Amino acid sequence: MLGMTTHSENMTGVQKELWYLINDEDVRNVLEVIIRKMNEAGEDTERLKQLYDQAQTFIPVDSKYHEKYWIAAYILYSNKSSFVNLVEELYNTKSRINTLRNDLNKLKKMSEEIWNKINELYRKIKPFEEQIESLEDQLESIDKARYVISNDLYDLEHESKRVLENLRKIAEQVII
């Protein structure tokens, strides 16, 4: 009984491995190449009959995948040592791709947060910008008024000196 349980567990483990191979989009492309080669070779070859018989025990009755996918997955699985480095490289590459996508998404999120903060600050600054603009306009008007008054003051001081000079001259003539 213990031997049967171990056999069932192994069978379930192999089925899971085959299922993962079939459901991996990239590996599935490899499986389709194997299926194409199987179709080219024909079902009469002794090696394919042998692999077909060995794979039958791992093909679930209610599978949504055609049995050729299971057989191709079994061929890939049974030649695992030939493909293990390539599959490992594929998974490592996919892992790096996922890491880079995650990093890119984090950076995108950070960028969006910074832009939101910048926009928020612009919204907060806008009333002050309007006040500053109004004060600058007032300052410009005041500077114009100061210029006009300064010119008038200069002219009046000059006029005052001229009038004083005339008064002095008249005062001198009155005394003389």
Protein backbone atom coordinates (compact mmCIF):
# COMPACT_ATOMS: atom_id res chain seq x y z
CA MET A 1 0.00 0.00 0.00
CA LEU A 2 2.83 2.39 0.84
CA GLY A 3 4.39 1.68 -2.54
CA MET A 4 1.14 2.64 -4.29
CA THR A 5 0.89 5.90 -2.36
CA THR A 6 4.41 6.84 -3.34
CA HIS A 7 3.70 5.91 -6.96
CA SER A 8 0.50 8.06 -6.88
CA GLU A 9 2.37 10.97 -5.33
CA ASN A 10 5.12 10.66 -7.96
CA MET A 11 2.54 10.48 -10.70
CA THR A 12 0.83 13.56 -9.35
CA GLY A 13 4.23 15.30 -9.10
CA VAL A 14 5.08 14.43 -12.72
CA GLN A 15 1.59 15.50 -13.83
CA LYS A 16 2.11 18.84 -12.07
CA GLU A 17 5.48 19.29 -13.79
CA LEU A 18 3.91 18.48 -17.16
CA TRP A 19 1.00 20.81 -16.43
CA TYR A 20 3.42 23.65 -15.58
CA LEU A 21 5.33 23.03 -18.81
CA ILE A 22 2.11 23.09 -20.85
CA ASN A 23 0.87 26.25 -19.17
CA ASP A 24 4.10 28.21 -19.50
CA GLU A 25 3.63 30.41 -22.56
CA ASP A 26 7.30 30.35 -23.57
CA VAL A 27 7.74 26.61 -23.01
CA ARG A 28 4.50 26.05 -24.87
CA ASN A 29 6.22 27.39 -28.01
CA VAL A 30 8.88 24.68 -27.54
CA LEU A 31 6.14 22.08 -27.09
CA GLU A 32 4.57 23.16 -30.37
CA VAL A 33 7.92 22.62 -32.11
CA ILE A 34 8.09 19.11 -30.59
CA ILE A 35 4.51 18.41 -31.73
CA ARG A 36 5.38 19.61 -35.24
CA LYS A 37 8.39 17.23 -35.26
CA MET A 38 6.17 14.42 -33.95
CA ASN A 39 3.70 15.04 -36.79
CA GLU A 40 6.52 15.06 -39.34
CA ALA A 41 7.95 11.78 -37.99
CA GLY A 42 4.55 10.11 -37.95
CA GLU A 43 3.04 7.96 -35.24
CA ASP A 44 4.52 4.73 -36.62
CA THR A 45 8.05 5.34 -35.28
CA GLU A 46 9.00 2.98 -32.48
CA ARG A 47 10.46 5.76 -30.30
CA LEU A 48 7.25 7.84 -30.49
CA LYS A 49 5.11 4.77 -29.68
CA GLN A 50 7.28 4.11 -26.66
CA LEU A 51 7.07 7.75 -25.47
CA TYR A 52 3.33 7.79 -26.13
CA ASP A 53 2.86 4.66 -23.97
CA GLN A 54 5.00 6.09 -21.17
CA ALA A 55 3.17 9.45 -21.24
CA GLN A 56 -0.32 7.90 -21.20
CA THR A 57 -0.18 7.29 -17.44
CA PHE A 58 0.34 11.02 -16.83
CA ILE A 59 -2.38 12.36 -19.12
CA PRO A 60 -5.47 13.26 -17.07
CA VAL A 61 -8.79 11.95 -18.39
CA ASP A 62 -10.48 15.35 -18.20
CA SER A 63 -7.63 17.41 -19.63
CA LYS A 64 -8.47 20.57 -21.54
CA TYR A 65 -5.24 20.14 -23.53
CA HIS A 66 -4.80 17.82 -26.47
CA GLU A 67 -2.86 14.69 -25.57
CA LYS A 68 -0.06 15.70 -27.98
CA TYR A 69 0.74 18.59 -25.63
CA TRP A 70 1.02 16.13 -22.75
CA ILE A 71 3.22 13.81 -24.81
CA ALA A 72 5.41 16.72 -25.93
CA ALA A 73 5.64 17.92 -22.33
CA TYR A 74 6.58 14.39 -21.29
CA ILE A 75 9.28 14.27 -23.99
CA LEU A 76 10.64 17.57 -22.71
CA TYR A 77 10.37 16.39 -19.10
CA SER A 78 12.06 13.04 -19.80
CA ASN A 79 14.92 14.84 -21.57
CA LYS A 80 15.13 17.33 -18.75
CA SER A 81 18.88 17.01 -18.38
CA SER A 82 19.32 18.25 -21.98
CA PHE A 83 16.97 21.16 -21.48
CA VAL A 84 17.51 21.96 -17.80
CA ASN A 85 20.13 24.66 -18.40
CA LEU A 86 18.07 26.29 -21.12
CA VAL A 87 14.86 26.12 -19.09
CA GLU A 88 16.70 27.46 -16.04
CA GLU A 89 18.13 30.26 -18.17
CA LEU A 90 14.63 30.96 -19.49
CA TYR A 91 13.18 31.12 -15.98
CA ASN A 92 16.06 33.32 -14.77
CA THR A 93 15.55 35.64 -17.71
CA LYS A 94 11.81 35.78 -17.04
CA SER A 95 12.56 36.47 -13.38
CA ARG A 96 14.88 39.34 -14.32
CA ILE A 97 12.22 40.66 -16.71
CA ASN A 98 9.65 40.58 -13.91
CA THR A 99 12.08 42.31 -11.55
CA LEU A 100 12.78 45.02 -14.11
CA ARG A 101 9.06 45.43 -14.79
CA ASN A 102 8.45 45.78 -11.06
CA ASP A 103 11.30 48.30 -10.78
CA LEU A 104 9.92 50.20 -13.76
CA ASN A 105 6.44 50.23 -12.21
CA LYS A 106 7.87 51.49 -8.90
CA LEU A 107 9.76 54.26 -10.69
CA LYS A 108 6.64 55.15 -12.68
CA LYS A 109 4.64 55.31 -9.45
CA MET A 110 7.33 57.48 -7.81
CA SER A 111 7.35 59.76 -10.85
CA GLU A 112 3.56 60.10 -10.74
CA GLU A 113 3.70 60.89 -7.00
CA ILE A 114 6.32 63.58 -7.57
CA TRP A 115 4.28 65.12 -10.41
CA ASN A 116 1.22 65.09 -8.16
CA LYS A 117 3.19 66.88 -5.42
CA ILE A 118 4.48 69.42 -7.93
CA ASN A 119 0.95 70.07 -9.21
CA GLU A 120 -0.32 70.34 -5.64
CA LEU A 121 2.38 72.90 -4.83
CA TYR A 122 1.52 74.86 -7.98
CA ARG A 123 -2.12 74.90 -6.88
CA LYS A 124 -1.06 76.15 -3.44
CA ILE A 125 1.28 78.75 -4.92
CA LYS A 126 -1.22 80.04 -7.51
CA PRO A 127 -3.03 82.42 -5.08
CA PHE A 128 0.35 83.74 -3.95
CA GLU A 129 1.42 84.19 -7.56
CA GLU A 130 -1.71 86.26 -8.14
CA GLN A 131 -1.00 88.31 -4.99
CA ILE A 132 2.62 88.77 -6.02
CA GLU A 133 1.52 89.86 -9.48
CA SER A 134 -0.95 92.34 -7.94
CA LEU A 135 1.73 93.69 -5.58
CA GLU A 136 4.19 93.97 -8.48
CA ASP A 137 1.56 95.97 -10.41
CA GLN A 138 1.05 98.22 -7.36
CA LEU A 139 4.81 98.61 -6.99
CA GLU A 140 5.11 99.54 -10.66
CA SER A 141 2.38 102.18 -10.22
CA ILE A 142 4.09 103.52 -7.10
CA ASP A 143 7.45 103.65 -8.89
CA LYS A 144 5.83 105.62 -11.75
CA ALA A 145 4.24 108.01 -9.24
CA ARG A 146 7.60 108.37 -7.43
CA TYR A 147 9.27 109.17 -10.73
CA VAL A 148 6.70 111.82 -11.58
CA ILE A 149 6.82 113.30 -8.06
CA SER A 150 10.62 113.18 -8.04
CA ASN A 151 10.72 115.08 -11.34
CA ASP A 152 8.15 117.59 -10.04
CA LEU A 153 10.17 117.99 -6.82
CA TYR A 154 13.36 118.58 -8.80
CA ASP A 155 11.58 121.11 -10.99
CA LEU A 156 10.03 122.85 -7.94
CA GLU A 157 13.35 122.92 -6.07
CA HIS A 158 14.93 124.44 -9.15
CA GLU A 159 12.02 126.88 -9.41
CA SER A 160 12.36 127.66 -5.69
CA LYS A 161 16.06 128.47 -6.14
CA ARG A 162 15.24 130.68 -9.12
CA VAL A 163 12.54 132.51 -7.16
CA LEU A 164 14.91 132.97 -4.19
CA GLU A 165 17.57 134.30 -6.49
CA ASN A 166 15.06 136.76 -7.95
CA LEU A 167 13.99 137.75 -4.43
CA ARG A 168 17.59 138.38 -3.45
CA LYS A 169 18.15 140.48 -6.52
CA ILE A 170 15.04 142.52 -5.78
CA ALA A 171 16.09 142.84 -2.14
CA GLU A 172 19.50 144.11 -3.19
CA GLN A 173 17.91 146.65 -5.51
CA VAL A 174 15.60 147.87 -2.82
CA ILE A 175 18.53 148.53 -0.52
CA ILE A 176 20.71 150.11 -3.09
